[in-house]
Amino acid sequence: AAYDPNAQENLATFRFRIIAADNVPDENPNNNIFEVEVPYRFFDPTSDLPETPAEATDTSTGPLKQVAGPGEGLTRNQSAQGRILFNKRFRQYFGDRKKFAALINLQSYGDIVGAQKKATLNSDGIASVYVLDRAVNLFRVYARGEADGGSDAASYRGHASVFGMTLLDQGQSYSSEFFKNWDLSWEEEKIIASARFTVGPVPMTVSAGVRGSIGLNASVWYRNKELRAYGDVLKVSMAGFGEGGVDVEVASAGIGASLVVLRNTLLVNGTASFKNLSRRQVRLTLLARNQLEAIDGELYLYARYPVYHFCCSITEEESQLTLYRTGALYNKRWDLLNHFRAVSF
């Protein structure tokens, strides 16, 4: 069945039949069939991913590198310079923006050019949330280190912001040796949008948003002609919540919510080494591992109101309007990058 954006639930039903391979008659064939219901992942196959809100645009210095795996996409001239480039980006949208949705954009790359004696390690993440058809920038986090093996010096930069508010913006210009550790944890709650719904016969006004935490627990250092970066560059956990009230005095209403909007951890471990530069060799190792869960749980509105019956009796009834009831639309752990390469030039 086609996805219906106006439906309270979208489920696909799969029916499985078990058949004995030896063709022996089954005494009870009634238990050989079972069904599984799977929630749809919300998307519109006729349109592209929604644009990231303007306040979530990339503001990092320097251009993004070309996408290349271990040795992929490198010209002969680049190989002659001892160029190694590992680069991977993940960008995906989950949910229904008229209710709750999330857009996440992750990137990790390492770049080293032996002939120029230059190296860069960088990881960053940007996410936006959509609540009742309104979009806001959720966070922007990145950690970056750059090294110059010729002058035996390096620099770093770290940034974290939530809802456009800068929590961390630190850096250091080139120095011969440094060790920098970030241990940031921030909790936030924000109402993003309001809308009116009708639950049974009761009009209801709902204000909804997200609450949760964001963290940066990572280190970057330079010593003995090696640039190293490791730790959780991004750790975020955001849930949806709502507040509501009725527009009539004779009824009461509320919101039931247990909804994970976005939960993500990006772990990075990378090393760019110039230790064998005298032998015209460079080495790059980069692991970027991500754990992502998006849109999991339920969110519903309810209203209780009196019902007047014929001849003097009054009962209380309850109506519900389900906005979300779904298993995780995405729940996966995988490696964005996991490469090692040494190059002579």
Protein backbone atom coordinates (compact mmCIF):
# COMPACT_ATOMS: atom_id res chain seq x y z
CA ALA A 1 0.00 0.00 0.00
CA ALA A 2 1.13 3.54 -0.69
CA TYR A 3 2.31 5.82 2.09
CA ASP A 4 -0.49 8.11 3.27
CA PRO A 5 0.92 11.30 4.90
CA ASN A 6 -2.47 12.01 6.51
CA ALA A 7 -2.86 8.63 8.17
CA GLN A 8 -2.23 8.15 11.87
CA GLU A 9 -0.18 5.02 11.17
CA ASN A 10 1.51 3.59 8.08
CA LEU A 11 2.24 -0.12 8.27
CA ALA A 12 3.29 -2.73 5.72
CA THR A 13 2.17 -6.30 6.42
CA PHE A 14 4.41 -9.21 5.32
CA ARG A 15 2.99 -12.74 5.31
CA PHE A 16 5.39 -15.71 5.57
CA ARG A 17 4.53 -19.37 4.80
CA ILE A 18 6.72 -22.24 6.04
CA ILE A 19 6.90 -25.32 3.82
CA ALA A 20 8.74 -28.53 4.74
CA ALA A 21 11.56 -29.22 2.25
CA ASP A 22 11.10 -33.01 2.46
CA ASN A 23 7.44 -32.79 1.33
CA VAL A 24 6.30 -34.76 4.37
CA PRO A 25 2.59 -33.99 5.09
CA ASP A 26 2.14 -31.59 7.99
CA GLU A 27 -0.28 -32.70 10.67
CA ASN A 28 -1.22 -29.10 11.51
CA PRO A 29 -0.69 -26.66 8.63
CA ASN A 30 -2.57 -23.88 10.45
CA ASN A 31 0.57 -22.75 12.32
CA ASN A 32 2.77 -22.49 9.22
CA ILE A 33 1.78 -18.92 8.39
CA PHE A 34 2.73 -15.81 10.32
CA GLU A 35 2.55 -12.10 9.64
CA VAL A 36 4.88 -9.23 10.52
CA GLU A 37 3.87 -5.56 10.54
CA VAL A 38 6.63 -3.09 9.71
CA PRO A 39 6.24 0.71 10.08
CA TYR A 40 6.91 2.70 6.93
CA ARG A 41 9.86 5.03 6.83
CA PHE A 42 8.26 8.38 6.07
CA PHE A 43 9.36 9.88 2.79
CA ASP A 44 8.05 11.41 -0.40
CA PRO A 45 9.58 9.49 -3.33
CA THR A 46 8.82 12.34 -5.71
CA SER A 47 10.81 15.01 -3.91
CA ASP A 48 14.36 15.62 -2.72
CA LEU A 49 15.43 15.92 0.88
CA PRO A 50 14.22 19.13 2.49
CA GLU A 51 16.65 21.99 2.65
CA THR A 52 18.55 22.56 5.88
CA PRO A 53 17.29 25.77 7.54
CA ALA A 54 19.35 28.84 6.75
CA GLU A 55 20.73 29.06 10.27
CA ALA A 56 22.18 25.56 9.92
CA THR A 57 24.39 26.26 6.91
CA ASP A 58 28.02 25.15 6.94
CA THR A 59 30.26 27.89 8.31
CA SER A 60 33.54 26.00 8.59
CA THR A 61 36.62 27.54 7.07
CA GLY A 62 38.02 26.07 3.89
CA PRO A 63 36.30 24.07 1.14
CA LEU A 64 35.04 20.55 1.62
CA LYS A 65 37.35 17.96 0.11
CA GLN A 66 36.42 15.74 -2.81
CA VAL A 67 34.87 12.41 -1.90
CA ALA A 68 37.43 9.64 -2.15
CA GLY A 69 38.14 6.37 -0.44
CA PRO A 70 41.55 4.76 -0.02
CA GLY A 71 43.21 5.85 -3.24
CA GLU A 72 39.94 6.50 -5.07
CA GLY A 73 39.60 9.55 -7.27
CA LEU A 74 43.26 10.60 -6.93
CA THR A 75 45.14 11.69 -10.04
CA ARG A 76 48.59 10.45 -10.99
CA ASN A 77 50.03 13.82 -10.00
CA GLN A 78 48.38 13.60 -6.57
CA SER A 79 49.78 10.09 -6.08
CA ALA A 80 53.23 11.37 -6.97
CA GLN A 81 52.86 13.99 -4.23
CA GLY A 82 52.09 11.30 -1.65
CA ARG A 83 48.42 12.28 -1.39
CA ILE A 84 46.06 10.23 0.78
CA LEU A 85 42.43 11.28 1.12
CA PHE A 86 39.69 9.51 3.07
CA ASN A 87 36.33 11.28 2.97
CA LYS A 88 32.75 10.16 3.62
CA ARG A 89 29.47 12.00 4.16
CA PHE A 90 26.10 10.76 5.42
CA ARG A 91 22.97 12.86 4.93
CA GLN A 92 19.44 11.60 5.62
CA TYR A 93 15.97 12.79 6.56
CA PHE A 94 13.61 10.88 8.85
CA GLY A 95 9.99 11.42 9.83
CA ASP A 96 7.04 13.60 8.87
CA ARG A 97 7.83 17.31 9.06
CA LYS A 98 4.17 18.11 9.78
CA LYS A 99 4.60 16.18 13.04
CA PHE A 100 8.22 15.45 14.05
CA ALA A 101 11.20 14.90 11.76
CA ALA A 102 15.00 15.18 11.77
CA LEU A 103 17.60 15.92 9.11
CA ILE A 104 21.19 14.93 9.90
CA ASN A 105 24.36 15.64 7.94
CA LEU A 106 27.65 14.01 9.03
CA GLN A 107 31.11 14.13 7.49
CA SER A 108 34.55 12.83 8.38
CA TYR A 109 37.71 13.22 6.35
CA GLY A 110 41.46 12.93 6.59
CA ASP A 111 43.85 14.43 4.04
CA ILE A 112 47.63 14.28 3.88
CA VAL A 113 50.00 15.45 1.10
CA GLY A 114 53.56 14.33 1.64
CA ALA A 115 55.19 16.62 -0.92
CA GLN A 116 53.57 19.67 0.72
CA LYS A 117 54.05 18.24 4.23
CA LYS A 118 50.41 19.14 5.05
CA ALA A 119 47.71 17.13 6.87
CA THR A 120 44.10 17.69 7.99
CA LEU A 121 41.77 15.64 10.21
CA ASN A 122 38.17 16.89 10.39
CA SER A 123 34.78 15.61 11.57
CA ASP A 124 31.55 17.57 11.78
CA GLY A 125 27.82 17.12 12.20
CA ILE A 126 24.81 19.31 11.50
CA ALA A 127 21.20 18.48 12.36
CA SER A 128 17.85 20.19 12.01
CA VAL A 129 14.50 19.25 13.54
CA TYR A 130 11.01 19.79 12.14
CA VAL A 131 8.12 20.18 14.57
CA LEU A 132 4.55 20.80 13.37
CA ASP A 133 5.95 21.92 9.97
CA ARG A 134 8.45 24.40 11.40
CA ALA A 135 12.20 23.83 10.99
CA VAL A 136 15.03 24.99 13.24
CA ASN A 137 18.73 24.32 13.44
CA LEU A 138 19.29 21.77 16.23
CA PHE A 139 23.09 21.68 16.46
CA ARG A 140 26.39 22.18 14.71
CA VAL A 141 29.54 20.46 16.03
CA TYR A 142 32.98 20.01 14.53
CA ALA A 143 36.56 19.26 15.56
CA ARG A 144 39.50 19.93 13.26
CA GLY A 145 43.28 19.60 13.36
CA GLU A 146 45.83 20.76 10.77
CA ALA A 147 49.54 19.97 10.69
CA ASP A 148 52.58 21.23 8.78
CA GLY A 149 55.26 18.54 8.90
CA GLY A 150 57.83 20.82 7.29
CA SER A 151 57.75 23.34 10.13
CA ASP A 152 56.81 20.62 12.65
CA ALA A 153 53.79 22.54 13.94
CA ALA A 154 49.99 22.14 14.05
CA SER A 155 46.75 23.91 14.93
CA TYR A 156 43.24 22.92 16.03
CA ARG A 157 39.67 24.22 16.08
CA GLY A 158 36.56 23.05 17.97
CA HIS A 159 33.00 24.34 17.73
CA ALA A 160 29.60 23.42 19.20
CA SER A 161 26.29 25.27 18.97
CA VAL A 162 22.68 24.40 19.87
CA PHE A 163 19.66 26.24 18.46
CA GLY A 164 22.04 28.85 17.05
CA MET A 165 23.62 29.54 20.46
CA THR A 166 27.40 29.02 20.53
CA LEU A 167 28.50 26.79 23.43
CA LEU A 168 32.11 26.29 22.37
CA ASP A 169 34.38 28.01 19.85
CA GLN A 170 38.03 27.36 20.62
CA GLY A 171 41.21 27.14 18.60
CA GLN A 172 44.95 27.52 18.63
CA SER A 173 47.29 28.74 15.93
CA TYR A 174 50.29 26.71 14.86
CA SER A 175 52.53 25.47 17.67
CA SER A 176 55.19 22.79 17.91
CA GLU A 177 53.24 20.65 20.40
CA PHE A 178 49.82 20.69 22.03
CA PHE A 179 47.17 18.52 23.63
CA LYS A 180 43.56 19.68 23.67
CA ASN A 181 40.66 17.82 25.27
CA TRP A 182 37.00 18.88 25.07
CA ASP A 183 34.52 17.53 27.60
CA LEU A 184 31.28 19.40 26.94
CA SER A 185 27.76 18.34 27.93
CA TRP A 186 24.75 20.62 27.51
CA GLU A 187 21.05 20.07 28.20
CA GLU A 188 18.37 22.02 26.36
CA GLU A 189 14.58 22.23 26.11
CA LYS A 190 12.84 24.33 23.51
CA ILE A 191 9.27 24.83 22.31
CA ILE A 192 9.44 25.12 18.52
CA ALA A 193 5.90 25.40 17.16
CA SER A 194 2.19 25.44 18.00
CA ALA A 195 -0.84 24.13 16.15
CA ARG A 196 -4.55 23.44 16.63
CA PHE A 197 -6.05 19.97 16.50
CA THR A 198 -9.50 18.50 17.05
CA VAL A 199 -9.55 15.47 19.31
CA GLY A 200 -12.97 13.89 19.07
CA PRO A 201 -15.34 16.86 19.46
CA VAL A 202 -12.80 18.92 21.46
CA PRO A 203 -10.64 21.68 19.90
CA MET A 204 -7.12 21.65 21.31
CA THR A 205 -4.04 23.88 21.05
CA VAL A 206 -0.67 22.10 21.16
CA SER A 207 2.83 23.52 21.63
CA ALA A 208 5.61 21.04 20.84
CA GLY A 209 9.39 20.92 20.84
CA VAL A 210 12.42 18.86 21.76
CA ARG A 211 14.44 18.33 24.92
CA GLY A 212 17.67 16.49 25.57
CA SER A 213 21.44 16.80 25.62
CA ILE A 214 24.40 17.34 23.31
CA GLY A 215 28.04 16.59 24.01
CA LEU A 216 31.54 16.88 22.59
CA ASN A 217 34.00 14.50 24.28
CA ALA A 218 37.08 14.43 22.07
CA SER A 219 40.81 15.18 22.03
CA VAL A 220 43.24 16.43 19.42
CA TRP A 221 47.02 16.62 19.81
CA TYR A 222 50.25 17.05 17.89
CA ARG A 223 53.59 15.61 18.97
CA ASN A 224 56.64 14.06 17.28
CA LYS A 225 55.38 14.80 13.76
CA GLU A 226 52.02 13.09 14.33
CA LEU A 227 48.56 14.68 14.32
CA ARG A 228 46.01 12.67 16.30
CA ALA A 229 42.26 13.10 16.91
CA TYR A 230 39.97 10.73 18.80
CA GLY A 231 36.79 10.54 20.89
CA ASP A 232 33.09 11.31 20.53
CA VAL A 233 33.01 14.34 18.28
CA LEU A 234 29.23 14.35 18.51
CA LYS A 235 26.90 12.84 21.11
CA VAL A 236 23.26 13.94 20.99
CA SER A 237 20.00 12.62 22.46
CA MET A 238 16.79 14.53 21.73
CA ALA A 239 13.18 13.55 22.51
CA GLY A 240 9.92 15.16 21.44
CA PHE A 241 7.49 16.64 23.95
CA GLY A 242 4.33 18.71 23.91
CA GLU A 243 2.06 20.87 26.02
CA GLY A 244 -1.61 21.36 25.29
CA GLY A 245 -4.87 22.77 26.47
CA VAL A 246 -8.49 22.75 25.40
CA ASP A 247 -10.49 25.69 24.15
CA VAL A 248 -13.66 24.76 26.08
CA GLU A 249 -14.04 24.77 29.85
CA VAL A 250 -16.12 21.63 30.15
CA ALA A 251 -13.36 19.35 28.81
CA SER A 252 -9.82 18.42 29.80
CA ALA A 253 -6.95 17.29 27.58
CA GLY A 254 -3.32 16.26 27.57
CA ILE A 255 -0.44 14.81 25.58
CA GLY A 256 1.18 11.40 25.83
CA ALA A 257 4.75 11.35 24.53
CA SER A 258 7.59 8.85 24.53
CA LEU A 259 9.28 9.76 21.27
CA VAL A 260 12.98 9.64 20.39
CA VAL A 261 13.51 12.26 17.68
CA LEU A 262 17.27 11.83 17.26
CA ARG A 263 19.96 9.90 19.10
CA ASN A 264 23.44 9.88 17.58
CA THR A 265 27.08 9.25 18.53
CA LEU A 266 29.97 9.86 16.11
CA LEU A 267 33.23 8.27 17.28
CA VAL A 268 36.47 9.24 15.52
CA ASN A 269 40.02 7.90 15.79
CA GLY A 270 42.53 9.25 13.28
CA THR A 271 46.29 9.72 12.88
CA ALA A 272 48.25 11.58 10.20
CA SER A 273 51.97 10.79 10.47
CA PHE A 274 55.06 12.52 9.03
CA LYS A 275 57.50 10.41 11.08
CA ASN A 276 59.00 8.85 7.94
CA LEU A 277 59.12 12.06 5.95
CA SER A 278 62.92 11.75 5.61
CA ARG A 279 62.25 8.53 3.65
CA ARG A 280 59.54 10.32 1.66
CA GLN A 281 56.70 8.32 3.21
CA VAL A 282 53.45 9.46 4.88
CA ARG A 283 50.78 7.46 6.69
CA LEU A 284 47.07 8.10 7.37
CA THR A 285 44.68 6.11 9.59
CA LEU A 286 41.04 7.08 10.07
CA LEU A 287 38.10 5.37 11.77
CA ALA A 288 34.74 7.16 11.91
CA ARG A 289 32.01 5.02 13.52
CA ASN A 290 28.41 6.21 13.91
CA GLN A 291 25.41 5.04 15.94
CA LEU A 292 22.10 6.56 14.87
CA GLU A 293 18.50 6.14 16.02
CA ALA A 294 15.72 8.33 14.64
CA ILE A 295 11.96 8.68 15.24
CA ASP A 296 11.08 5.89 17.66
CA GLY A 297 8.06 5.78 19.97
CA GLU A 298 4.68 7.43 20.18
CA LEU A 299 3.06 10.81 20.51
CA TYR A 300 -0.68 11.25 20.94
CA LEU A 301 -3.27 13.75 22.10
CA TYR A 302 -6.23 12.91 24.29
CA ALA A 303 -9.33 14.75 25.44
CA ARG A 304 -11.89 13.88 28.11
CA TYR A 305 -15.33 15.42 27.92
CA PRO A 306 -18.83 14.88 29.35
CA VAL A 307 -21.52 13.16 27.32
CA TYR A 308 -25.10 13.98 28.27
CA HIS A 309 -27.56 11.14 27.88
CA PHE A 310 -31.32 11.23 27.69
CA CYS A 311 -32.98 11.64 31.04
CA CYS A 312 -30.48 12.98 33.50
CA SER A 313 -27.33 10.87 33.09
CA ILE A 314 -23.83 12.15 32.30
CA THR A 315 -20.76 10.03 31.50
CA GLU A 316 -17.17 10.98 30.72
CA GLU A 317 -15.63 9.77 27.48
CA GLU A 318 -12.12 9.99 26.08
CA SER A 319 -10.90 10.44 22.51
CA GLN A 320 -7.33 10.10 21.22
CA LEU A 321 -5.51 11.41 18.17
CA THR A 322 -2.26 9.56 17.39
CA LEU A 323 0.43 11.65 15.75
CA TYR A 324 3.14 8.98 15.93
CA ARG A 325 3.25 5.33 16.87
CA THR A 326 6.18 3.61 15.24
CA GLY A 327 9.25 1.52 15.77
CA ALA A 328 12.57 3.18 14.96
CA LEU A 329 12.61 4.48 11.40
CA TYR A 330 16.40 4.11 11.55
CA ASN A 331 18.53 2.29 14.12
CA LYS A 332 22.00 1.32 12.95
CA ARG A 333 25.67 1.32 13.88
CA TRP A 334 28.18 1.43 11.02
CA ASP A 335 31.58 2.71 9.93
CA LEU A 336 31.58 5.84 7.84
CA LEU A 337 35.31 5.28 7.35
CA ASN A 338 37.75 2.60 8.47
CA HIS A 339 40.96 2.90 6.45
CA PHE A 340 44.74 2.80 6.77
CA ARG A 341 47.24 3.69 4.07
CA ALA A 342 50.94 4.46 3.81
CA VAL A 343 52.32 6.09 0.64
CA SER A 344 55.83 6.67 -0.64
CA PHE A 345 56.35 9.59 -3.01
